[in-house]
Amino acid sequence: MLDDGLDRLLRLAEAQQAAEDRKVAEVAALIGDNGGPPLDDPFGIGAPWLQYADEADLARLAKLHPRIMRRQKILSDTIAERTKIMKRCIRRMRRARGQN
């Protein structure tokens, strides 16, 4: 009877570890080689001048593009939070005026 309880705990621990391993594998697949999503279109730029970029320019663009993407994401998250606060305050204002 004691062995059944220990076996059950062991199976539970193994299941939890397997779930954690799956989660880590999913995250690792999303990260990619350079810490960002894979780029289908080089740097998201379809500009004609890009074909004239040399190796040094492309290396610099490879560093700048993820930085720009991160900053745009941060900015859009900040604007979304501001909008949420604004809407919440507008609802309070309308309730205070009795406008519902």
C-alpha atoms as a PDB file:
ATOM      1  CA  MET A   1       0.000   0.000   0.000  1.00  0.00           C
ATOM      2  CA  LEU A   2       2.850   2.375   0.808  1.00  0.00           C
ATOM      3  CA  ASP A   3       4.491   1.530  -2.501  1.00  0.00           C
ATOM      4  CA  ASP A   4       1.321   2.525  -4.365  1.00  0.00           C
ATOM      5  CA  GLY A   5       1.479   6.012  -2.860  1.00  0.00           C
ATOM      6  CA  LEU A   6       5.157   6.376  -3.712  1.00  0.00           C
ATOM      7  CA  ASP A   7       4.553   5.119  -7.239  1.00  0.00           C
ATOM      8  CA  ARG A   8       1.738   7.620  -7.654  1.00  0.00           C
ATOM      9  CA  LEU A   9       3.984  10.459  -6.448  1.00  0.00           C
ATOM     10  CA  LEU A  10       6.752   9.327  -8.784  1.00  0.00           C
ATOM     11  CA  ARG A  11       4.390   9.245 -11.777  1.00  0.00           C
ATOM     12  CA  LEU A  12       3.058  12.684 -10.836  1.00  0.00           C
ATOM     13  CA  ALA A  13       6.585  14.114 -10.587  1.00  0.00           C
ATOM     14  CA  GLU A  14       7.539  12.538 -13.930  1.00  0.00           C
ATOM     15  CA  ALA A  15       4.419  13.982 -15.574  1.00  0.00           C
ATOM     16  CA  GLN A  16       5.177  17.443 -14.206  1.00  0.00           C
ATOM     17  CA  GLN A  17       8.777  17.203 -15.425  1.00  0.00           C
ATOM     18  CA  ALA A  18       7.619  16.069 -18.872  1.00  0.00           C
ATOM     19  CA  ALA A  19       5.177  19.016 -19.059  1.00  0.00           C
ATOM     20  CA  GLU A  20       7.947  21.421 -18.087  1.00  0.00           C
ATOM     21  CA  ASP A  21      10.285  19.893 -20.692  1.00  0.00           C
ATOM     22  CA  ARG A  22       7.613  20.346 -23.382  1.00  0.00           C
ATOM     23  CA  LYS A  23       7.122  23.967 -22.369  1.00  0.00           C
ATOM     24  CA  VAL A  24      10.878  24.632 -22.519  1.00  0.00           C
ATOM     25  CA  ALA A  25      11.088  23.004 -25.948  1.00  0.00           C
ATOM     26  CA  GLU A  26       8.223  25.182 -27.242  1.00  0.00           C
ATOM     27  CA  VAL A  27       9.888  28.353 -25.972  1.00  0.00           C
ATOM     28  CA  ALA A  28      13.260  27.292 -27.417  1.00  0.00           C
ATOM     29  CA  ALA A  29      11.614  26.763 -30.818  1.00  0.00           C
ATOM     30  CA  LEU A  30      10.172  30.288 -30.705  1.00  0.00           C
ATOM     31  CA  ILE A  31      13.451  31.946 -29.762  1.00  0.00           C
ATOM     32  CA  GLY A  32      15.358  30.897 -32.852  1.00  0.00           C
ATOM     33  CA  ASP A  33      19.071  31.265 -33.487  1.00  0.00           C
ATOM     34  CA  ASN A  34      19.572  34.933 -32.675  1.00  0.00           C
ATOM     35  CA  GLY A  35      16.962  35.394 -29.979  1.00  0.00           C
ATOM     36  CA  GLY A  36      14.280  36.637 -32.341  1.00  0.00           C
ATOM     37  CA  PRO A  37      11.681  35.237 -34.660  1.00  0.00           C
ATOM     38  CA  PRO A  38      12.899  33.989 -38.032  1.00  0.00           C
ATOM     39  CA  LEU A  39      12.895  36.665 -40.685  1.00  0.00           C
ATOM     40  CA  ASP A  40      11.045  35.786 -43.886  1.00  0.00           C
ATOM     41  CA  ASP A  41      11.581  39.165 -45.499  1.00  0.00           C
ATOM     42  CA  PRO A  42      15.075  40.451 -44.636  1.00  0.00           C
ATOM     43  CA  PHE A  43      14.576  42.848 -41.733  1.00  0.00           C
ATOM     44  CA  GLY A  44      10.978  43.385 -42.791  1.00  0.00           C
ATOM     45  CA  ILE A  45      12.204  45.819 -45.412  1.00  0.00           C
ATOM     46  CA  GLY A  46      11.259  45.371 -49.029  1.00  0.00           C
ATOM     47  CA  ALA A  47      13.182  48.446 -50.112  1.00  0.00           C
ATOM     48  CA  PRO A  48      15.132  48.396 -53.387  1.00  0.00           C
ATOM     49  CA  TRP A  49      18.248  49.839 -51.700  1.00  0.00           C
ATOM     50  CA  LEU A  50      18.602  46.706 -49.579  1.00  0.00           C
ATOM     51  CA  GLN A  51      20.066  44.758 -52.501  1.00  0.00           C
ATOM     52  CA  TYR A  52      22.972  47.222 -52.555  1.00  0.00           C
ATOM     53  CA  ALA A  53      23.862  46.730 -48.881  1.00  0.00           C
ATOM     54  CA  ASP A  54      27.267  45.181 -48.279  1.00  0.00           C
ATOM     55  CA  GLU A  55      28.161  42.664 -45.589  1.00  0.00           C
ATOM     56  CA  ALA A  56      28.920  45.308 -42.937  1.00  0.00           C
ATOM     57  CA  ASP A  57      25.600  47.062 -43.590  1.00  0.00           C
ATOM     58  CA  LEU A  58      23.687  43.795 -43.343  1.00  0.00           C
ATOM     59  CA  ALA A  59      25.462  42.898 -40.092  1.00  0.00           C
ATOM     60  CA  ARG A  60      24.501  46.268 -38.619  1.00  0.00           C
ATOM     61  CA  LEU A  61      20.917  45.927 -39.858  1.00  0.00           C
ATOM     62  CA  ALA A  62      20.775  42.473 -38.255  1.00  0.00           C
ATOM     63  CA  LYS A  63      21.507  44.112 -34.898  1.00  0.00           C
ATOM     64  CA  LEU A  64      19.292  47.159 -35.379  1.00  0.00           C
ATOM     65  CA  HIS A  65      16.151  45.414 -36.628  1.00  0.00           C
ATOM     66  CA  PRO A  66      15.428  43.344 -33.465  1.00  0.00           C
ATOM     67  CA  ARG A  67      16.146  46.426 -31.340  1.00  0.00           C
ATOM     68  CA  ILE A  68      13.644  48.461 -33.364  1.00  0.00           C
ATOM     69  CA  MET A  69      11.058  45.669 -33.118  1.00  0.00           C
ATOM     70  CA  ARG A  70      11.473  45.466 -29.318  1.00  0.00           C
ATOM     71  CA  ARG A  71      11.111  49.233 -28.929  1.00  0.00           C
ATOM     72  CA  GLN A  72       8.009  49.296 -31.123  1.00  0.00           C
ATOM     73  CA  LYS A  73       6.483  46.502 -29.036  1.00  0.00           C
ATOM     74  CA  ILE A  74       7.263  48.353 -25.809  1.00  0.00           C
ATOM     75  CA  LEU A  75       5.757  51.540 -27.227  1.00  0.00           C
ATOM     76  CA  SER A  76       2.587  49.800 -28.416  1.00  0.00           C
ATOM     77  CA  ASP A  77       2.198  48.090 -25.017  1.00  0.00           C
ATOM     78  CA  THR A  78       2.606  51.441 -23.268  1.00  0.00           C
ATOM     79  CA  ILE A  79       0.059  53.122 -25.534  1.00  0.00           C
ATOM     80  CA  ALA A  80      -2.384  50.251 -24.958  1.00  0.00           C
ATOM     81  CA  GLU A  81      -1.997  50.636 -21.195  1.00  0.00           C
ATOM     82  CA  ARG A  82      -2.575  54.387 -21.460  1.00  0.00           C
ATOM     83  CA  THR A  83      -5.714  53.760 -23.525  1.00  0.00           C
ATOM     84  CA  LYS A  84      -7.002  51.290 -20.940  1.00  0.00           C
ATOM     85  CA  ILE A  85      -6.485  53.820 -18.133  1.00  0.00           C
ATOM     86  CA  MET A  86      -8.116  56.553 -20.210  1.00  0.00           C
ATOM     87  CA  LYS A  87     -11.212  54.429 -20.893  1.00  0.00           C
ATOM     88  CA  ARG A  88     -11.462  53.490 -17.217  1.00  0.00           C
ATOM     89  CA  CYS A  89     -11.343  57.186 -16.228  1.00  0.00           C
ATOM     90  CA  ILE A  90     -13.938  58.113 -18.853  1.00  0.00           C
ATOM     91  CA  ARG A  91     -16.303  55.469 -17.440  1.00  0.00           C
ATOM     92  CA  ARG A  92     -15.802  56.905 -13.925  1.00  0.00           C
ATOM     93  CA  MET A  93     -16.416  60.431 -15.221  1.00  0.00           C
ATOM     94  CA  ARG A  94     -19.653  59.384 -16.925  1.00  0.00           C
ATOM     95  CA  ARG A  95     -20.843  57.536 -13.825  1.00  0.00           C
ATOM     96  CA  ALA A  96     -20.111  60.617 -11.710  1.00  0.00           C
ATOM     97  CA  ARG A  97     -22.153  62.761 -14.095  1.00  0.00           C
ATOM     98  CA  GLY A  98     -24.958  60.202 -14.085  1.00  0.00           C
ATOM     99  CA  GLN A  99     -24.619  59.502 -17.803  1.00  0.00           C
ATOM    100  CA  ASN A 100     -23.975  55.770 -17.432  1.00  0.00           C
END
